[in-house]
Amino acid sequence: MKFWNLGDAELQLFAHANLTGQSIAAFFGRQQLGEKAFELESDLAVARLTIPREQQHENDAVVLRLNGETVDTVALRAITEKRIKAFLEEELLAEQYVFPPGKLPGVQWKRPAMVDNELGKFALRVSYYDKNMNRVERATAAGRYAAVAEGVTPDGFTIKRYLTLYCAPIALDDYGGDVSIQINALPALGISPALWQKYQNNFRAYSFGNLLFYLQTSPDAAIFLAGLAEMDTTQHGLDSPRLRDRQWWIRFKRKQEGLNAQPISSIRLSVTPARWRVNSLRRAMRPRLTQHPISKRFARFAGIGREMLANRSRPYWRIKGA
């Protein structure tokens, strides 16, 4: 069986030449997918059946029947696993990740046709939330926004994907003057510094976005801005915009699932006086023979030895060389 882009399949059947002219049919359960007569090709009887993607059921096998009798089955487990692994790599894109107030950015698959082949055709519903995790229809204030895309596959599996967005009332296109971006002259480009300086004010008119970094099309830009806006200036330790973004999503998902426990916060590294650290280290390094079970045994034996030495009336053995 051959698959085109993990979608439509062609089932190629080969048999003895004596079966030339006889028909073979393919079934999924009681549903007949197609029927084809064997044709003679290079001394073999060959039949080719096309199975559209929408007629392929993930948990069923293709049953082949010749003259009403089952002659073979073709399992789809391998292609199903391959499709699921391929879907995990599919990317969900937003029209803009950093956007102005008003309409919220649309969301779609980067390769929608491949997603249809991998999981089957299903609708994608998108809901939006503000930084306080309230569902919204429009962006009315600057700051973090979240997009949750959800769909149910033909086989009943629920798919969810999450995107971080950021609203800012500034123009971020190639002709906007709100963002100051400077392009340095690079000797490797082979352009003299004099020419570079002469035309550097025209980069926005001539670059068409190729020389400037578009913040609105970068998912990392939204994560950076949203996480940075939520960082605590008095916080010490392991903290970063990406960590803040992940913590926000953990709280969001727990809220959606009705869980109240809070995620683990970032680690705080406190500065302690040097004298306290030295004293603590000394206390930790003091020998404590009685704490370990083996040490307790040695202490017991030592006590017995001292008792025997104190009571000279009792004979005792001394091992030579000990």
C-alpha atoms as a PDB file:
ATOM      1  CA  MET A   1       0.000   0.000   0.000  1.00  0.00           C
ATOM      2  CA  LYS A   2       1.330   3.424  -0.980  1.00  0.00           C
ATOM      3  CA  PHE A   3       0.287   6.724   0.591  1.00  0.00           C
ATOM      4  CA  TRP A   4       0.483  10.155  -1.006  1.00  0.00           C
ATOM      5  CA  ASN A   5       1.590  12.653   1.650  1.00  0.00           C
ATOM      6  CA  LEU A   6       0.110  10.379   4.332  1.00  0.00           C
ATOM      7  CA  GLY A   7      -3.317  10.841   2.734  1.00  0.00           C
ATOM      8  CA  ASP A   8      -4.929   8.964  -0.153  1.00  0.00           C
ATOM      9  CA  ALA A   9      -3.676   5.415  -0.569  1.00  0.00           C
ATOM     10  CA  GLU A  10      -3.168   3.079  -3.504  1.00  0.00           C
ATOM     11  CA  LEU A  11      -3.504  -0.610  -2.747  1.00  0.00           C
ATOM     12  CA  GLN A  12      -1.485  -2.693  -5.217  1.00  0.00           C
ATOM     13  CA  LEU A  13      -2.426  -6.375  -5.405  1.00  0.00           C
ATOM     14  CA  PHE A  14      -0.379  -9.060  -7.170  1.00  0.00           C
ATOM     15  CA  ALA A  15      -1.534 -12.623  -7.808  1.00  0.00           C
ATOM     16  CA  HIS A  16      -1.012 -15.616 -10.095  1.00  0.00           C
ATOM     17  CA  ALA A  17      -1.787 -15.043 -13.750  1.00  0.00           C
ATOM     18  CA  ASN A  18      -4.662 -17.540 -13.498  1.00  0.00           C
ATOM     19  CA  LEU A  19      -6.656 -14.861 -11.618  1.00  0.00           C
ATOM     20  CA  THR A  20      -6.591 -12.468 -14.575  1.00  0.00           C
ATOM     21  CA  GLY A  21     -10.092 -11.144 -15.185  1.00  0.00           C
ATOM     22  CA  GLN A  22     -11.412 -11.968 -11.726  1.00  0.00           C
ATOM     23  CA  SER A  23     -12.482  -9.127  -9.439  1.00  0.00           C
ATOM     24  CA  ILE A  24     -11.188  -8.417  -5.957  1.00  0.00           C
ATOM     25  CA  ALA A  25     -12.893  -6.037  -3.532  1.00  0.00           C
ATOM     26  CA  ALA A  26     -11.606  -4.093  -0.515  1.00  0.00           C
ATOM     27  CA  PHE A  27     -13.734  -3.531   2.606  1.00  0.00           C
ATOM     28  CA  PHE A  28     -13.570  -1.568   5.843  1.00  0.00           C
ATOM     29  CA  GLY A  29     -15.974  -3.579   7.970  1.00  0.00           C
ATOM     30  CA  ARG A  30     -19.150  -3.777   5.887  1.00  0.00           C
ATOM     31  CA  GLN A  31     -18.259  -0.740   3.783  1.00  0.00           C
ATOM     32  CA  GLN A  32     -16.924  -1.580   0.349  1.00  0.00           C
ATOM     33  CA  LEU A  33     -14.082   0.744  -0.622  1.00  0.00           C
ATOM     34  CA  GLY A  34     -13.727  -0.393  -4.193  1.00  0.00           C
ATOM     35  CA  GLU A  35     -13.542  -3.281  -6.586  1.00  0.00           C
ATOM     36  CA  LYS A  36     -11.081  -3.970  -9.387  1.00  0.00           C
ATOM     37  CA  ALA A  37     -10.497  -6.740 -11.913  1.00  0.00           C
ATOM     38  CA  PHE A  38      -7.036  -8.293 -12.153  1.00  0.00           C
ATOM     39  CA  GLU A  39      -5.123  -7.401 -15.305  1.00  0.00           C
ATOM     40  CA  LEU A  40      -2.168  -9.266 -16.758  1.00  0.00           C
ATOM     41  CA  GLU A  41       1.159  -7.454 -16.318  1.00  0.00           C
ATOM     42  CA  SER A  42       4.502  -9.234 -16.851  1.00  0.00           C
ATOM     43  CA  ASP A  43       3.009 -12.697 -16.242  1.00  0.00           C
ATOM     44  CA  LEU A  44       1.272 -11.527 -13.065  1.00  0.00           C
ATOM     45  CA  ALA A  45      -2.324 -10.613 -12.317  1.00  0.00           C
ATOM     46  CA  VAL A  46      -2.312  -7.035 -10.970  1.00  0.00           C
ATOM     47  CA  ALA A  47      -5.100  -4.927  -9.457  1.00  0.00           C
ATOM     48  CA  ARG A  48      -4.795  -1.383  -8.093  1.00  0.00           C
ATOM     49  CA  LEU A  49      -7.389   0.167  -5.785  1.00  0.00           C
ATOM     50  CA  THR A  50      -7.450   3.816  -4.681  1.00  0.00           C
ATOM     51  CA  ILE A  51      -8.646   4.461  -1.114  1.00  0.00           C
ATOM     52  CA  PRO A  52      -9.419   8.139  -0.344  1.00  0.00           C
ATOM     53  CA  ARG A  53      -8.207   9.482   3.001  1.00  0.00           C
ATOM     54  CA  GLU A  54     -11.714  10.116   4.324  1.00  0.00           C
ATOM     55  CA  GLN A  55     -12.590   6.431   3.833  1.00  0.00           C
ATOM     56  CA  GLN A  56      -9.643   5.185   5.894  1.00  0.00           C
ATOM     57  CA  HIS A  57     -10.585   4.251   9.444  1.00  0.00           C
ATOM     58  CA  GLU A  58      -7.625   4.273  11.818  1.00  0.00           C
ATOM     59  CA  ASN A  59      -8.616   1.257  13.916  1.00  0.00           C
ATOM     60  CA  ASP A  60      -9.793  -1.001  11.088  1.00  0.00           C
ATOM     61  CA  ALA A  61      -7.947  -3.214   8.651  1.00  0.00           C
ATOM     62  CA  VAL A  62      -8.592  -3.426   4.927  1.00  0.00           C
ATOM     63  CA  VAL A  63     -10.238  -6.772   4.200  1.00  0.00           C
ATOM     64  CA  LEU A  64      -9.684  -8.229   0.712  1.00  0.00           C
ATOM     65  CA  ARG A  65     -12.359 -10.533  -0.696  1.00  0.00           C
ATOM     66  CA  LEU A  66     -12.095 -12.612  -3.850  1.00  0.00           C
ATOM     67  CA  ASN A  67     -15.335 -14.131  -5.111  1.00  0.00           C
ATOM     68  CA  GLY A  68     -16.954 -13.312  -1.767  1.00  0.00           C
ATOM     69  CA  GLU A  69     -14.286 -15.032   0.343  1.00  0.00           C
ATOM     70  CA  THR A  70     -11.745 -13.227   2.537  1.00  0.00           C
ATOM     71  CA  VAL A  71      -8.248 -13.838   1.194  1.00  0.00           C
ATOM     72  CA  ASP A  72      -6.162 -11.288   3.133  1.00  0.00           C
ATOM     73  CA  THR A  73      -6.200  -8.264   5.441  1.00  0.00           C
ATOM     74  CA  VAL A  74      -4.024  -5.140   5.419  1.00  0.00           C
ATOM     75  CA  ALA A  75      -3.465  -3.450   8.805  1.00  0.00           C
ATOM     76  CA  LEU A  76      -3.206   0.350   9.044  1.00  0.00           C
ATOM     77  CA  ARG A  77      -1.470   0.513  12.436  1.00  0.00           C
ATOM     78  CA  ALA A  78       1.910   1.467  10.980  1.00  0.00           C
ATOM     79  CA  ILE A  79       0.559   4.348   8.897  1.00  0.00           C
ATOM     80  CA  THR A  80      -1.576   5.531  11.833  1.00  0.00           C
ATOM     81  CA  GLU A  81       1.482   5.780  14.097  1.00  0.00           C
ATOM     82  CA  LYS A  82       3.384   7.561  11.353  1.00  0.00           C
ATOM     83  CA  ARG A  83       0.558  10.073  10.919  1.00  0.00           C
ATOM     84  CA  ILE A  84       0.379  10.831  14.644  1.00  0.00           C
ATOM     85  CA  LYS A  85       4.131  11.397  14.880  1.00  0.00           C
ATOM     86  CA  ALA A  86       3.994  13.670  11.844  1.00  0.00           C
ATOM     87  CA  PHE A  87       1.125  15.682  13.346  1.00  0.00           C
ATOM     88  CA  LEU A  88       3.138  16.377  16.503  1.00  0.00           C
ATOM     89  CA  GLU A  89       5.525  18.365  14.316  1.00  0.00           C
ATOM     90  CA  GLU A  90       2.798  20.465  12.700  1.00  0.00           C
ATOM     91  CA  GLU A  91       2.986  24.164  13.533  1.00  0.00           C
ATOM     92  CA  LEU A  92       0.083  26.432  14.407  1.00  0.00           C
ATOM     93  CA  LEU A  93       0.530  30.027  13.255  1.00  0.00           C
ATOM     94  CA  ALA A  94      -1.054  33.326  14.220  1.00  0.00           C
ATOM     95  CA  GLU A  95      -1.514  36.130  11.699  1.00  0.00           C
ATOM     96  CA  GLN A  96       0.344  38.378  14.143  1.00  0.00           C
ATOM     97  CA  TYR A  97       1.940  37.622  17.486  1.00  0.00           C
ATOM     98  CA  VAL A  98       2.473  41.264  18.466  1.00  0.00           C
ATOM     99  CA  PHE A  99      -0.572  43.239  17.312  1.00  0.00           C
ATOM    100  CA  PRO A 100      -2.363  46.566  17.925  1.00  0.00           C
ATOM    101  CA  PRO A 101      -5.590  46.873  19.981  1.00  0.00           C
ATOM    102  CA  GLY A 102      -8.785  45.823  18.273  1.00  0.00           C
ATOM    103  CA  LYS A 103      -9.307  42.640  16.290  1.00  0.00           C
ATOM    104  CA  LEU A 104      -7.548  39.571  17.608  1.00  0.00           C
ATOM    105  CA  PRO A 105      -5.211  37.742  15.186  1.00  0.00           C
ATOM    106  CA  GLY A 106      -6.505  34.753  13.265  1.00  0.00           C
ATOM    107  CA  VAL A 107      -4.975  31.314  13.796  1.00  0.00           C
ATOM    108  CA  GLN A 108      -4.436  28.509  11.292  1.00  0.00           C
ATOM    109  CA  TRP A 109      -2.197  25.543  10.567  1.00  0.00           C
ATOM    110  CA  LYS A 110       1.013  26.191   8.681  1.00  0.00           C
ATOM    111  CA  ARG A 111       0.289  23.120   6.514  1.00  0.00           C
ATOM    112  CA  PRO A 112      -3.482  22.580   6.663  1.00  0.00           C
ATOM    113  CA  ALA A 113      -3.521  20.009   3.850  1.00  0.00           C
ATOM    114  CA  MET A 114      -0.999  17.838   5.680  1.00  0.00           C
ATOM    115  CA  VAL A 115      -3.010  18.067   8.910  1.00  0.00           C
ATOM    116  CA  ASP A 116      -6.057  16.821   6.971  1.00  0.00           C
ATOM    117  CA  ASN A 117      -4.019  13.855   5.742  1.00  0.00           C
ATOM    118  CA  GLU A 118      -2.588  13.075   9.164  1.00  0.00           C
ATOM    119  CA  LEU A 119      -5.717  13.273  11.323  1.00  0.00           C
ATOM    120  CA  GLY A 120      -8.565  13.732   8.872  1.00  0.00           C
ATOM    121  CA  LYS A 121     -10.541  16.889   8.210  1.00  0.00           C
ATOM    122  CA  PHE A 122     -11.849  18.688  11.294  1.00  0.00           C
ATOM    123  CA  ALA A 123     -12.808  22.243  12.185  1.00  0.00           C
ATOM    124  CA  LEU A 124     -10.531  24.377  14.343  1.00  0.00           C
ATOM    125  CA  ARG A 125     -12.199  26.606  16.946  1.00  0.00           C
ATOM    126  CA  VAL A 126     -10.164  29.431  18.479  1.00  0.00           C
ATOM    127  CA  SER A 127     -10.920  31.212  21.754  1.00  0.00           C
ATOM    128  CA  TYR A 128      -8.986  34.167  23.190  1.00  0.00           C
ATOM    129  CA  TYR A 129      -8.162  35.213  26.747  1.00  0.00           C
ATOM    130  CA  ASP A 130      -6.610  38.289  28.352  1.00  0.00           C
ATOM    131  CA  LYS A 131      -3.808  38.319  30.916  1.00  0.00           C
ATOM    132  CA  ASN A 132      -6.344  37.772  33.710  1.00  0.00           C
ATOM    133  CA  MET A 133      -7.527  34.577  31.971  1.00  0.00           C
ATOM    134  CA  ASN A 134     -10.906  36.062  31.063  1.00  0.00           C
ATOM    135  CA  ARG A 135     -12.340  35.121  27.693  1.00  0.00           C
ATOM    136  CA  VAL A 136     -12.481  38.091  25.315  1.00  0.00           C
ATOM    137  CA  GLU A 137     -13.603  38.878  21.776  1.00  0.00           C
ATOM    138  CA  ARG A 138     -11.348  41.895  21.161  1.00  0.00           C
ATOM    139  CA  ALA A 139      -8.111  43.317  22.520  1.00  0.00           C
ATOM    140  CA  THR A 140      -8.897  46.460  24.503  1.00  0.00           C
ATOM    141  CA  ALA A 141      -5.668  46.911  26.489  1.00  0.00           C
ATOM    142  CA  ALA A 142      -1.978  46.352  26.006  1.00  0.00           C
ATOM    143  CA  GLY A 143      -0.363  43.237  27.427  1.00  0.00           C
ATOM    144  CA  ARG A 144      -0.605  39.482  27.246  1.00  0.00           C
ATOM    145  CA  TYR A 145      -3.299  37.638  25.315  1.00  0.00           C
ATOM    146  CA  ALA A 146      -3.702  33.921  24.759  1.00  0.00           C
ATOM    147  CA  ALA A 147      -5.150  31.924  21.873  1.00  0.00           C
ATOM    148  CA  VAL A 148      -6.475  28.402  22.432  1.00  0.00           C
ATOM    149  CA  ALA A 149      -7.157  26.381  19.285  1.00  0.00           C
ATOM    150  CA  GLU A 150      -9.274  23.266  19.707  1.00  0.00           C
ATOM    151  CA  GLY A 151     -10.745  20.646  17.402  1.00  0.00           C
ATOM    152  CA  VAL A 152     -12.130  17.102  17.397  1.00  0.00           C
ATOM    153  CA  THR A 153     -10.784  14.662  14.814  1.00  0.00           C
ATOM    154  CA  PRO A 154     -13.095  12.315  12.876  1.00  0.00           C
ATOM    155  CA  ASP A 155     -12.013   9.526  15.257  1.00  0.00           C
ATOM    156  CA  GLY A 156     -13.103  11.522  18.314  1.00  0.00           C
ATOM    157  CA  PHE A 157      -9.743  12.768  19.604  1.00  0.00           C
ATOM    158  CA  THR A 158      -9.626  16.308  20.999  1.00  0.00           C
ATOM    159  CA  ILE A 159      -6.702  18.404  19.802  1.00  0.00           C
ATOM    160  CA  LYS A 160      -5.590  21.551  21.670  1.00  0.00           C
ATOM    161  CA  ARG A 161      -2.826  24.008  20.883  1.00  0.00           C
ATOM    162  CA  TYR A 162      -1.852  27.191  22.742  1.00  0.00           C
ATOM    163  CA  LEU A 163      -0.298  30.440  21.514  1.00  0.00           C
ATOM    164  CA  THR A 164       1.039  33.445  23.411  1.00  0.00           C
ATOM    165  CA  LEU A 165       0.104  36.841  21.932  1.00  0.00           C
ATOM    166  CA  TYR A 166       0.959  40.398  22.938  1.00  0.00           C
ATOM    167  CA  CYS A 167      -0.975  43.605  22.310  1.00  0.00           C
ATOM    168  CA  ALA A 168       0.919  46.889  21.879  1.00  0.00           C
ATOM    169  CA  PRO A 169      -0.435  50.198  20.460  1.00  0.00           C
ATOM    170  CA  ILE A 170       2.491  50.761  18.095  1.00  0.00           C
ATOM    171  CA  ALA A 171       3.099  50.292  14.385  1.00  0.00           C
ATOM    172  CA  LEU A 172       5.498  47.439  13.732  1.00  0.00           C
ATOM    173  CA  ASP A 173       5.412  47.285   9.951  1.00  0.00           C
ATOM    174  CA  ASP A 174       8.287  48.198   7.657  1.00  0.00           C
ATOM    175  CA  TYR A 175       7.080  51.773   7.245  1.00  0.00           C
ATOM    176  CA  GLY A 176       6.178  52.450  10.866  1.00  0.00           C
ATOM    177  CA  GLY A 177       8.210  54.996  12.775  1.00  0.00           C
ATOM    178  CA  ASP A 178       7.325  53.836  16.292  1.00  0.00           C
ATOM    179  CA  VAL A 179      10.139  51.310  16.510  1.00  0.00           C
ATOM    180  CA  SER A 180      13.715  52.485  16.084  1.00  0.00           C
ATOM    181  CA  ILE A 181      15.798  49.855  14.326  1.00  0.00           C
ATOM    182  CA  GLN A 182      19.357  50.439  13.207  1.00  0.00           C
ATOM    183  CA  ILE A 183      21.185  48.327  10.659  1.00  0.00           C
ATOM    184  CA  ASN A 184      24.935  48.401  11.050  1.00  0.00           C
ATOM    185  CA  ALA A 185      27.282  48.442   8.076  1.00  0.00           C
ATOM    186  CA  LEU A 186      28.871  45.018   7.686  1.00  0.00           C
ATOM    187  CA  PRO A 187      32.157  44.835   5.718  1.00  0.00           C
ATOM    188  CA  ALA A 188      31.224  41.370   4.488  1.00  0.00           C
ATOM    189  CA  LEU A 189      28.398  42.898   2.431  1.00  0.00           C
ATOM    190  CA  GLY A 190      30.965  44.627   0.235  1.00  0.00           C
ATOM    191  CA  ILE A 191      29.338  48.080   0.493  1.00  0.00           C
ATOM    192  CA  SER A 192      31.518  51.064   1.285  1.00  0.00           C
ATOM    193  CA  PRO A 193      30.743  52.920   4.553  1.00  0.00           C
ATOM    194  CA  ALA A 194      30.156  56.142   2.590  1.00  0.00           C
ATOM    195  CA  LEU A 195      27.394  54.570   0.464  1.00  0.00           C
ATOM    196  CA  TRP A 196      25.894  52.888   3.507  1.00  0.00           C
ATOM    197  CA  GLN A 197      25.714  56.159   5.402  1.00  0.00           C
ATOM    198  CA  LYS A 198      24.230  57.972   2.413  1.00  0.00           C
ATOM    199  CA  TYR A 199      21.318  55.568   1.990  1.00  0.00           C
ATOM    200  CA  GLN A 200      20.774  54.315   5.552  1.00  0.00           C
ATOM    201  CA  ASN A 201      17.742  56.590   5.942  1.00  0.00           C
ATOM    202  CA  ASN A 202      16.064  54.837   3.004  1.00  0.00           C
ATOM    203  CA  PHE A 203      16.223  51.299   4.362  1.00  0.00           C
ATOM    204  CA  ARG A 204      12.572  51.368   5.382  1.00  0.00           C
ATOM    205  CA  ALA A 205      11.515  52.381   1.876  1.00  0.00           C
ATOM    206  CA  TYR A 206      13.645  49.791   0.100  1.00  0.00           C
ATOM    207  CA  SER A 207      13.876  46.819   2.467  1.00  0.00           C
ATOM    208  CA  PHE A 208      10.236  45.642   2.197  1.00  0.00           C
ATOM    209  CA  GLY A 209      10.769  43.809   5.483  1.00  0.00           C
ATOM    210  CA  ASN A 210      13.748  41.772   4.332  1.00  0.00           C
ATOM    211  CA  LEU A 211      16.280  43.830   6.280  1.00  0.00           C
ATOM    212  CA  LEU A 212      14.138  44.460   9.358  1.00  0.00           C
ATOM    213  CA  PHE A 213      13.016  41.960  11.931  1.00  0.00           C
ATOM    214  CA  TYR A 214       9.250  41.681  12.096  1.00  0.00           C
ATOM    215  CA  LEU A 215       8.208  41.440  15.728  1.00  0.00           C
ATOM    216  CA  GLN A 216       4.579  40.790  14.859  1.00  0.00           C
ATOM    217  CA  THR A 217       5.415  37.538  13.060  1.00  0.00           C
ATOM    218  CA  SER A 218       7.707  36.132  15.758  1.00  0.00           C
ATOM    219  CA  PRO A 219       6.168  33.827  18.399  1.00  0.00           C
ATOM    220  CA  ASP A 220       9.267  34.290  20.562  1.00  0.00           C
ATOM    221  CA  ALA A 221       8.733  38.067  20.550  1.00  0.00           C
ATOM    222  CA  ALA A 222       5.275  37.667  22.098  1.00  0.00           C
ATOM    223  CA  ILE A 223       6.604  35.234  24.709  1.00  0.00           C
ATOM    224  CA  PHE A 224       9.453  37.592  25.563  1.00  0.00           C
ATOM    225  CA  LEU A 225       7.251  40.680  25.917  1.00  0.00           C
ATOM    226  CA  ALA A 226       4.464  38.924  27.835  1.00  0.00           C
ATOM    227  CA  GLY A 227       6.873  37.243  30.231  1.00  0.00           C
ATOM    228  CA  LEU A 228       8.991  40.350  30.706  1.00  0.00           C
ATOM    229  CA  ALA A 229       5.931  42.444  31.588  1.00  0.00           C
ATOM    230  CA  GLU A 230       5.080  39.993  34.387  1.00  0.00           C
ATOM    231  CA  MET A 231       8.539  39.716  35.962  1.00  0.00           C
ATOM    232  CA  ASP A 232       9.127  41.053  39.474  1.00  0.00           C
ATOM    233  CA  THR A 233      11.906  43.634  39.641  1.00  0.00           C
ATOM    234  CA  THR A 234      12.667  42.601  43.235  1.00  0.00           C
ATOM    235  CA  GLN A 235      12.905  38.923  42.388  1.00  0.00           C
ATOM    236  CA  HIS A 236      16.284  37.266  42.777  1.00  0.00           C
ATOM    237  CA  GLY A 237      17.242  33.870  41.438  1.00  0.00           C
ATOM    238  CA  LEU A 238      16.289  31.851  38.397  1.00  0.00           C
ATOM    239  CA  ASP A 239      13.731  33.971  36.583  1.00  0.00           C
ATOM    240  CA  SER A 240      13.223  34.765  32.919  1.00  0.00           C
ATOM    241  CA  PRO A 241      10.453  35.878  30.530  1.00  0.00           C
ATOM    242  CA  ARG A 242      10.131  32.350  29.131  1.00  0.00           C
ATOM    243  CA  LEU A 243       9.785  30.878  32.620  1.00  0.00           C
ATOM    244  CA  ARG A 244       7.114  33.453  33.464  1.00  0.00           C
ATOM    245  CA  ASP A 245       5.249  32.562  30.276  1.00  0.00           C
ATOM    246  CA  ARG A 246       5.288  28.859  31.114  1.00  0.00           C
ATOM    247  CA  GLN A 247       4.058  29.551  34.639  1.00  0.00           C
ATOM    248  CA  TRP A 248       1.174  31.605  33.250  1.00  0.00           C
ATOM    249  CA  TRP A 249       0.149  28.744  30.977  1.00  0.00           C
ATOM    250  CA  ILE A 250       0.374  26.250  33.839  1.00  0.00           C
ATOM    251  CA  ARG A 251      -1.984  28.402  35.920  1.00  0.00           C
ATOM    252  CA  PHE A 252      -4.277  28.861  32.929  1.00  0.00           C
ATOM    253  CA  LYS A 253      -4.534  25.137  32.190  1.00  0.00           C
ATOM    254  CA  ARG A 254      -5.106  24.308  35.841  1.00  0.00           C
ATOM    255  CA  LYS A 255      -7.876  26.878  35.978  1.00  0.00           C
ATOM    256  CA  GLN A 256      -9.478  25.414  32.863  1.00  0.00           C
ATOM    257  CA  GLU A 257      -9.355  21.949  34.449  1.00  0.00           C
ATOM    258  CA  GLY A 258     -10.745  23.200  37.762  1.00  0.00           C
ATOM    259  CA  LEU A 259      -7.547  22.643  39.761  1.00  0.00           C
ATOM    260  CA  ASN A 260      -6.602  25.145  42.454  1.00  0.00           C
ATOM    261  CA  ALA A 261      -3.006  24.199  43.306  1.00  0.00           C
ATOM    262  CA  GLN A 262      -0.442  26.799  42.340  1.00  0.00           C
ATOM    263  CA  PRO A 263       2.601  25.960  40.207  1.00  0.00           C
ATOM    264  CA  ILE A 264       6.061  25.968  41.700  1.00  0.00           C
ATOM    265  CA  SER A 265       7.453  29.492  41.674  1.00  0.00           C
ATOM    266  CA  SER A 266      10.917  30.385  40.516  1.00  0.00           C
ATOM    267  CA  ILE A 267      13.784  29.639  42.899  1.00  0.00           C
ATOM    268  CA  ARG A 268      14.985  32.488  45.062  1.00  0.00           C
ATOM    269  CA  LEU A 269      18.661  32.614  45.931  1.00  0.00           C
ATOM    270  CA  SER A 270      19.132  34.448  49.236  1.00  0.00           C
ATOM    271  CA  VAL A 271      22.452  35.999  50.208  1.00  0.00           C
ATOM    272  CA  THR A 272      23.613  34.857  53.693  1.00  0.00           C
ATOM    273  CA  PRO A 273      26.441  36.281  55.825  1.00  0.00           C
ATOM    274  CA  ALA A 274      29.805  34.594  55.387  1.00  0.00           C
ATOM    275  CA  ARG A 275      30.206  33.923  59.167  1.00  0.00           C
ATOM    276  CA  TRP A 276      26.877  32.053  59.314  1.00  0.00           C
ATOM    277  CA  ARG A 277      27.834  29.896  56.322  1.00  0.00           C
ATOM    278  CA  VAL A 278      31.222  29.009  57.880  1.00  0.00           C
ATOM    279  CA  ASN A 279      29.681  28.082  61.233  1.00  0.00           C
ATOM    280  CA  SER A 280      27.027  25.972  59.524  1.00  0.00           C
ATOM    281  CA  LEU A 281      29.713  24.197  57.511  1.00  0.00           C
ATOM    282  CA  ARG A 282      31.726  23.462  60.656  1.00  0.00           C
ATOM    283  CA  ARG A 283      28.690  22.021  62.408  1.00  0.00           C
ATOM    284  CA  ALA A 284      27.949  19.833  59.407  1.00  0.00           C
ATOM    285  CA  MET A 285      31.538  18.511  59.356  1.00  0.00           C
ATOM    286  CA  ARG A 286      31.622  17.474  63.051  1.00  0.00           C
ATOM    287  CA  PRO A 287      32.048  13.675  63.425  1.00  0.00           C
ATOM    288  CA  ARG A 288      28.903  11.967  64.631  1.00  0.00           C
ATOM    289  CA  LEU A 289      29.782   8.286  65.097  1.00  0.00           C
ATOM    290  CA  THR A 290      26.513   7.356  66.742  1.00  0.00           C
ATOM    291  CA  GLN A 291      24.355   8.466  63.815  1.00  0.00           C
ATOM    292  CA  HIS A 292      25.287   5.628  61.449  1.00  0.00           C
ATOM    293  CA  PRO A 293      24.237   2.038  62.330  1.00  0.00           C
ATOM    294  CA  ILE A 294      27.768   0.739  61.741  1.00  0.00           C
ATOM    295  CA  SER A 295      29.208   3.521  63.896  1.00  0.00           C
ATOM    296  CA  LYS A 296      26.840   2.493  66.697  1.00  0.00           C
ATOM    297  CA  ARG A 297      28.204  -1.059  66.572  1.00  0.00           C
ATOM    298  CA  PHE A 298      31.793   0.154  66.867  1.00  0.00           C
ATOM    299  CA  ALA A 299      30.833   2.354  69.811  1.00  0.00           C
ATOM    300  CA  ARG A 300      29.245  -0.658  71.515  1.00  0.00           C
ATOM    301  CA  PHE A 301      32.362  -2.778  71.042  1.00  0.00           C
ATOM    302  CA  ALA A 302      34.544   0.026  72.410  1.00  0.00           C
ATOM    303  CA  GLY A 303      32.383   0.176  75.542  1.00  0.00           C
ATOM    304  CA  ILE A 304      32.737  -3.574  76.090  1.00  0.00           C
ATOM    305  CA  GLY A 305      36.519  -3.269  75.763  1.00  0.00           C
ATOM    306  CA  ARG A 306      36.696  -0.496  78.316  1.00  0.00           C
ATOM    307  CA  GLU A 307      34.588  -2.516  80.747  1.00  0.00           C
ATOM    308  CA  MET A 308      36.879  -5.553  80.408  1.00  0.00           C
ATOM    309  CA  LEU A 309      40.005  -3.464  81.009  1.00  0.00           C
ATOM    310  CA  ALA A 310      38.456  -1.886  84.096  1.00  0.00           C
ATOM    311  CA  ASN A 311      37.594  -5.306  85.596  1.00  0.00           C
ATOM    312  CA  ARG A 312      41.006  -7.047  85.661  1.00  0.00           C
ATOM    313  CA  SER A 313      39.605 -10.091  87.448  1.00  0.00           C
ATOM    314  CA  ARG A 314      38.045 -11.252  84.204  1.00  0.00           C
ATOM    315  CA  PRO A 315      40.397 -12.951  81.735  1.00  0.00           C
ATOM    316  CA  TYR A 316      40.293 -11.703  78.215  1.00  0.00           C
ATOM    317  CA  TRP A 317      42.004 -12.618  74.989  1.00  0.00           C
ATOM    318  CA  ARG A 318      44.250 -10.285  73.039  1.00  0.00           C
ATOM    319  CA  ILE A 319      44.926 -11.111  69.431  1.00  0.00           C
ATOM    320  CA  LYS A 320      48.606 -10.767  68.678  1.00  0.00           C
ATOM    321  CA  GLY A 321      49.271  -8.041  66.194  1.00  0.00           C
ATOM    322  CA  ALA A 322      45.924  -6.358  66.767  1.00  0.00           C
END
